[in-house]
Amino acid sequence: NQPEVYERVVASPDYQRLRSDLDAFDFILDNLDRNEGNLLVEMDETGKVVRLTAIDNDLTFTRSAERFIDELGTWARVLPEKYSRTFYEKIRHLTEHPEAFRNALRSYVSDEEISATLVRARDVVEDVETKIAARGELATFFETAVADGDVPRALTRPAGEPDASAVP
């Protein structure tokens, strides 16, 4: 039964975690056309969601630093309640090293669009940090705390070296 499978998939913790990262990523890019029809869900043989691929990404990188949210939350959603720690670390790294981001995108989008994207990325970092302060890490991240000495790759990569693992 298709509706039952759909409901089971979107309610699964793995889908929720992946969709959360995508919603935050879409917020940063100001994607104005994200909907369920623009998502490809990959599941393993047990039915576990293992990948969420976003397609139709042509309405992104707007000049406005303000995020457009449609009233129904169908095409452009608000920031998620929880984040994956890895996503947060990558976005925090991006905001701490904006020139590498600017250099990577300068040939594809305008400086104004890059600046607006960086403002929205800082908005995501601020949202995470506000949630951590208000309710703690366990209620903000899907994963438990990173073990001492286990620093995410995004924070150890030399400046200017591209990240092999793409943000959602």
C-alpha atoms as a PDB file:
ATOM      1  CA  ASN A   1       0.000   0.000   0.000  1.00  0.00           C
ATOM      2  CA  GLN A   2       1.729   3.190  -1.228  1.00  0.00           C
ATOM      3  CA  PRO A   3       0.357   5.668   1.366  1.00  0.00           C
ATOM      4  CA  GLU A   4       1.344   3.339   4.222  1.00  0.00           C
ATOM      5  CA  VAL A   5       4.884   2.915   2.864  1.00  0.00           C
ATOM      6  CA  TYR A   6       5.202   6.675   2.403  1.00  0.00           C
ATOM      7  CA  GLU A   7       4.025   7.378   5.963  1.00  0.00           C
ATOM      8  CA  ARG A   8       6.414   4.755   7.362  1.00  0.00           C
ATOM      9  CA  VAL A   9       9.352   6.177   5.410  1.00  0.00           C
ATOM     10  CA  VAL A  10       8.807   9.843   6.358  1.00  0.00           C
ATOM     11  CA  ALA A  11       8.246   8.897  10.007  1.00  0.00           C
ATOM     12  CA  SER A  12      11.485   6.898  10.233  1.00  0.00           C
ATOM     13  CA  PRO A  13      14.317   8.415  12.311  1.00  0.00           C
ATOM     14  CA  ASP A  14      16.759   8.045   9.410  1.00  0.00           C
ATOM     15  CA  TYR A  15      14.504   9.982   7.033  1.00  0.00           C
ATOM     16  CA  GLN A  16      13.892  12.633   9.694  1.00  0.00           C
ATOM     17  CA  ARG A  17      17.645  13.126  10.223  1.00  0.00           C
ATOM     18  CA  LEU A  18      18.381  13.314   6.500  1.00  0.00           C
ATOM     19  CA  ARG A  19      15.417  15.615   5.844  1.00  0.00           C
ATOM     20  CA  SER A  20      16.515  17.865   8.692  1.00  0.00           C
ATOM     21  CA  ASP A  21      19.933  18.356   7.086  1.00  0.00           C
ATOM     22  CA  LEU A  22      18.299  18.972   3.714  1.00  0.00           C
ATOM     23  CA  ASP A  23      15.867  21.514   5.175  1.00  0.00           C
ATOM     24  CA  ALA A  24      18.762  23.431   6.747  1.00  0.00           C
ATOM     25  CA  PHE A  25      20.779  23.175   3.522  1.00  0.00           C
ATOM     26  CA  ASP A  26      17.789  24.431   1.516  1.00  0.00           C
ATOM     27  CA  PHE A  27      17.468  27.294   4.004  1.00  0.00           C
ATOM     28  CA  ILE A  28      21.088  28.285   3.378  1.00  0.00           C
ATOM     29  CA  LEU A  29      20.722  28.089  -0.413  1.00  0.00           C
ATOM     30  CA  ASP A  30      17.256  29.668  -0.216  1.00  0.00           C
ATOM     31  CA  ASN A  31      15.848  26.839  -2.302  1.00  0.00           C
ATOM     32  CA  LEU A  32      12.363  27.960  -3.304  1.00  0.00           C
ATOM     33  CA  ASP A  33      11.193  24.688  -4.845  1.00  0.00           C
ATOM     34  CA  ARG A  34      11.701  21.818  -2.412  1.00  0.00           C
ATOM     35  CA  ASN A  35       8.788  19.419  -2.217  1.00  0.00           C
ATOM     36  CA  GLU A  36       8.331  15.677  -1.806  1.00  0.00           C
ATOM     37  CA  GLY A  37       8.374  15.252  -5.593  1.00  0.00           C
ATOM     38  CA  ASN A  38      11.933  16.608  -5.649  1.00  0.00           C
ATOM     39  CA  LEU A  39      13.319  13.965  -3.309  1.00  0.00           C
ATOM     40  CA  LEU A  40      14.655  10.527  -4.152  1.00  0.00           C
ATOM     41  CA  VAL A  41      14.662   8.143  -1.209  1.00  0.00           C
ATOM     42  CA  GLU A  42      17.055   5.194  -1.238  1.00  0.00           C
ATOM     43  CA  MET A  43      16.415   2.292   1.119  1.00  0.00           C
ATOM     44  CA  ASP A  44      18.444  -0.793   1.898  1.00  0.00           C
ATOM     45  CA  GLU A  45      17.115  -4.359   1.682  1.00  0.00           C
ATOM     46  CA  THR A  46      15.591  -4.060   5.188  1.00  0.00           C
ATOM     47  CA  GLY A  47      13.622  -0.931   4.290  1.00  0.00           C
ATOM     48  CA  LYS A  48      15.898   1.435   6.211  1.00  0.00           C
ATOM     49  CA  VAL A  49      16.316   4.867   4.613  1.00  0.00           C
ATOM     50  CA  VAL A  50      19.999   5.207   3.710  1.00  0.00           C
ATOM     51  CA  ARG A  51      20.045   8.211   1.381  1.00  0.00           C
ATOM     52  CA  LEU A  52      17.923  11.201   0.514  1.00  0.00           C
ATOM     53  CA  THR A  53      18.834  12.847  -2.785  1.00  0.00           C
ATOM     54  CA  ALA A  54      17.521  16.300  -3.602  1.00  0.00           C
ATOM     55  CA  ILE A  55      16.748  16.961  -7.265  1.00  0.00           C
ATOM     56  CA  ASP A  56      15.507  20.061  -9.104  1.00  0.00           C
ATOM     57  CA  ASN A  57      17.776  22.605  -7.443  1.00  0.00           C
ATOM     58  CA  ASP A  58      17.449  25.408  -9.971  1.00  0.00           C
ATOM     59  CA  LEU A  59      15.632  27.927  -7.738  1.00  0.00           C
ATOM     60  CA  THR A  60      18.499  28.622  -5.326  1.00  0.00           C
ATOM     61  CA  PHE A  61      21.093  31.285  -4.472  1.00  0.00           C
ATOM     62  CA  THR A  62      18.812  34.290  -4.258  1.00  0.00           C
ATOM     63  CA  ARG A  63      20.129  37.793  -3.627  1.00  0.00           C
ATOM     64  CA  SER A  64      18.024  38.263  -0.507  1.00  0.00           C
ATOM     65  CA  ALA A  65      19.580  37.329   2.824  1.00  0.00           C
ATOM     66  CA  GLU A  66      16.078  36.831   4.171  1.00  0.00           C
ATOM     67  CA  ARG A  67      14.722  33.309   3.776  1.00  0.00           C
ATOM     68  CA  PHE A  68      11.393  33.042   2.016  1.00  0.00           C
ATOM     69  CA  ILE A  69       9.037  30.597   3.751  1.00  0.00           C
ATOM     70  CA  ASP A  70       5.717  29.833   2.140  1.00  0.00           C
ATOM     71  CA  GLU A  71       2.745  29.776   4.512  1.00  0.00           C
ATOM     72  CA  LEU A  72       2.084  26.060   4.052  1.00  0.00           C
ATOM     73  CA  GLY A  73       5.735  25.030   4.340  1.00  0.00           C
ATOM     74  CA  THR A  74       5.402  23.088   1.110  1.00  0.00           C
ATOM     75  CA  TRP A  75       8.056  24.687  -1.100  1.00  0.00           C
ATOM     76  CA  ALA A  76      10.345  26.356   1.425  1.00  0.00           C
ATOM     77  CA  ARG A  77      10.458  25.131   5.015  1.00  0.00           C
ATOM     78  CA  VAL A  78      11.631  26.674   8.266  1.00  0.00           C
ATOM     79  CA  LEU A  79      14.753  25.550  10.098  1.00  0.00           C
ATOM     80  CA  PRO A  80      14.509  22.095  11.652  1.00  0.00           C
ATOM     81  CA  GLU A  81      14.087  21.347  15.339  1.00  0.00           C
ATOM     82  CA  LYS A  82      17.114  19.038  15.354  1.00  0.00           C
ATOM     83  CA  TYR A  83      20.313  18.830  13.330  1.00  0.00           C
ATOM     84  CA  SER A  84      22.970  16.272  12.628  1.00  0.00           C
ATOM     85  CA  ARG A  85      26.170  17.238  14.394  1.00  0.00           C
ATOM     86  CA  THR A  86      28.228  16.670  11.221  1.00  0.00           C
ATOM     87  CA  PHE A  87      26.065  19.093   9.229  1.00  0.00           C
ATOM     88  CA  TYR A  88      26.392  21.749  11.932  1.00  0.00           C
ATOM     89  CA  GLU A  89      30.177  21.359  12.088  1.00  0.00           C
ATOM     90  CA  LYS A  90      30.465  21.732   8.308  1.00  0.00           C
ATOM     91  CA  ILE A  91      28.286  24.829   8.204  1.00  0.00           C
ATOM     92  CA  ARG A  92      30.111  26.354  11.171  1.00  0.00           C
ATOM     93  CA  HIS A  93      33.408  25.731   9.348  1.00  0.00           C
ATOM     94  CA  LEU A  94      32.003  27.368   6.213  1.00  0.00           C
ATOM     95  CA  THR A  95      30.994  30.489   8.165  1.00  0.00           C
ATOM     96  CA  GLU A  96      34.404  30.662   9.841  1.00  0.00           C
ATOM     97  CA  HIS A  97      36.185  30.450   6.450  1.00  0.00           C
ATOM     98  CA  PRO A  98      33.947  32.369   4.029  1.00  0.00           C
ATOM     99  CA  GLU A  99      36.687  33.170   1.507  1.00  0.00           C
ATOM    100  CA  ALA A 100      37.089  29.516   0.537  1.00  0.00           C
ATOM    101  CA  PHE A 101      33.322  29.392  -0.058  1.00  0.00           C
ATOM    102  CA  ARG A 102      33.409  32.633  -2.053  1.00  0.00           C
ATOM    103  CA  ASN A 103      36.280  31.377  -4.182  1.00  0.00           C
ATOM    104  CA  ALA A 104      34.539  28.071  -4.898  1.00  0.00           C
ATOM    105  CA  LEU A 105      31.315  29.749  -6.062  1.00  0.00           C
ATOM    106  CA  ARG A 106      32.510  33.020  -7.598  1.00  0.00           C
ATOM    107  CA  SER A 107      32.436  31.609 -11.153  1.00  0.00           C
ATOM    108  CA  TYR A 108      28.844  30.394 -10.790  1.00  0.00           C
ATOM    109  CA  VAL A 109      26.881  32.966  -8.779  1.00  0.00           C
ATOM    110  CA  SER A 110      27.173  36.668  -8.043  1.00  0.00           C
ATOM    111  CA  ASP A 111      28.953  38.146  -5.023  1.00  0.00           C
ATOM    112  CA  GLU A 112      25.564  39.389  -3.812  1.00  0.00           C
ATOM    113  CA  GLU A 113      24.135  35.848  -3.935  1.00  0.00           C
ATOM    114  CA  ILE A 114      27.192  34.465  -2.135  1.00  0.00           C
ATOM    115  CA  SER A 115      26.927  37.120   0.581  1.00  0.00           C
ATOM    116  CA  ALA A 116      23.223  36.370   1.096  1.00  0.00           C
ATOM    117  CA  THR A 117      23.998  32.648   1.290  1.00  0.00           C
ATOM    118  CA  LEU A 118      26.663  33.270   3.942  1.00  0.00           C
ATOM    119  CA  VAL A 119      24.194  35.337   5.990  1.00  0.00           C
ATOM    120  CA  ARG A 120      21.729  32.445   5.911  1.00  0.00           C
ATOM    121  CA  ALA A 121      24.523  29.997   6.837  1.00  0.00           C
ATOM    122  CA  ARG A 122      25.307  32.160   9.872  1.00  0.00           C
ATOM    123  CA  ASP A 123      21.572  32.133  10.679  1.00  0.00           C
ATOM    124  CA  VAL A 124      21.699  28.312  10.784  1.00  0.00           C
ATOM    125  CA  VAL A 125      24.765  28.317  13.056  1.00  0.00           C
ATOM    126  CA  GLU A 126      23.047  30.850  15.327  1.00  0.00           C
ATOM    127  CA  ASP A 127      19.884  28.718  15.390  1.00  0.00           C
ATOM    128  CA  VAL A 128      21.868  25.648  16.458  1.00  0.00           C
ATOM    129  CA  GLU A 129      23.771  27.571  19.126  1.00  0.00           C
ATOM    130  CA  THR A 130      20.567  29.146  20.453  1.00  0.00           C
ATOM    131  CA  LYS A 131      18.938  25.719  20.681  1.00  0.00           C
ATOM    132  CA  ILE A 132      21.981  24.269  22.452  1.00  0.00           C
ATOM    133  CA  ALA A 133      21.908  27.114  24.997  1.00  0.00           C
ATOM    134  CA  ALA A 134      18.162  26.779  25.547  1.00  0.00           C
ATOM    135  CA  ARG A 135      17.711  23.015  25.682  1.00  0.00           C
ATOM    136  CA  GLY A 136      21.102  21.318  25.464  1.00  0.00           C
ATOM    137  CA  GLU A 137      22.912  19.231  22.883  1.00  0.00           C
ATOM    138  CA  LEU A 138      20.829  16.079  23.355  1.00  0.00           C
ATOM    139  CA  ALA A 139      17.693  17.939  22.293  1.00  0.00           C
ATOM    140  CA  THR A 140      19.483  19.795  19.468  1.00  0.00           C
ATOM    141  CA  PHE A 141      21.421  17.015  17.721  1.00  0.00           C
ATOM    142  CA  PHE A 142      20.301  13.626  16.483  1.00  0.00           C
ATOM    143  CA  GLU A 143      23.606  12.087  17.597  1.00  0.00           C
ATOM    144  CA  THR A 144      25.191  12.059  21.014  1.00  0.00           C
ATOM    145  CA  ALA A 145      28.256  14.158  21.736  1.00  0.00           C
ATOM    146  CA  VAL A 146      31.430  13.679  19.711  1.00  0.00           C
ATOM    147  CA  ALA A 147      34.053  11.808  21.733  1.00  0.00           C
ATOM    148  CA  ASP A 148      37.140  13.723  22.878  1.00  0.00           C
ATOM    149  CA  GLY A 149      39.732  13.741  20.132  1.00  0.00           C
ATOM    150  CA  ASP A 150      37.178  12.754  17.478  1.00  0.00           C
ATOM    151  CA  VAL A 151      37.071  16.007  15.518  1.00  0.00           C
ATOM    152  CA  PRO A 152      34.922  16.045  12.379  1.00  0.00           C
ATOM    153  CA  ARG A 153      36.967  16.128   9.148  1.00  0.00           C
ATOM    154  CA  ALA A 154      35.570  19.524   8.185  1.00  0.00           C
ATOM    155  CA  LEU A 155      37.421  21.050  11.123  1.00  0.00           C
ATOM    156  CA  THR A 156      40.752  19.333  10.426  1.00  0.00           C
ATOM    157  CA  ARG A 157      40.896  19.845   6.654  1.00  0.00           C
ATOM    158  CA  PRO A 158      43.536  22.406   5.602  1.00  0.00           C
ATOM    159  CA  ALA A 159      42.085  25.709   4.411  1.00  0.00           C
ATOM    160  CA  GLY A 160      41.357  25.668   0.711  1.00  0.00           C
ATOM    161  CA  GLU A 161      41.320  21.852   0.415  1.00  0.00           C
ATOM    162  CA  PRO A 162      37.946  20.728  -0.964  1.00  0.00           C
ATOM    163  CA  ASP A 163      35.806  18.498   1.197  1.00  0.00           C
ATOM    164  CA  ALA A 164      35.335  15.071  -0.364  1.00  0.00           C
ATOM    165  CA  SER A 165      32.088  14.541   1.515  1.00  0.00           C
ATOM    166  CA  ALA A 166      29.455  16.960   0.262  1.00  0.00           C
ATOM    167  CA  VAL A 167      26.947  18.600   2.562  1.00  0.00           C
ATOM    168  CA  PRO A 168      23.628  16.833   1.910  1.00  0.00           C
END
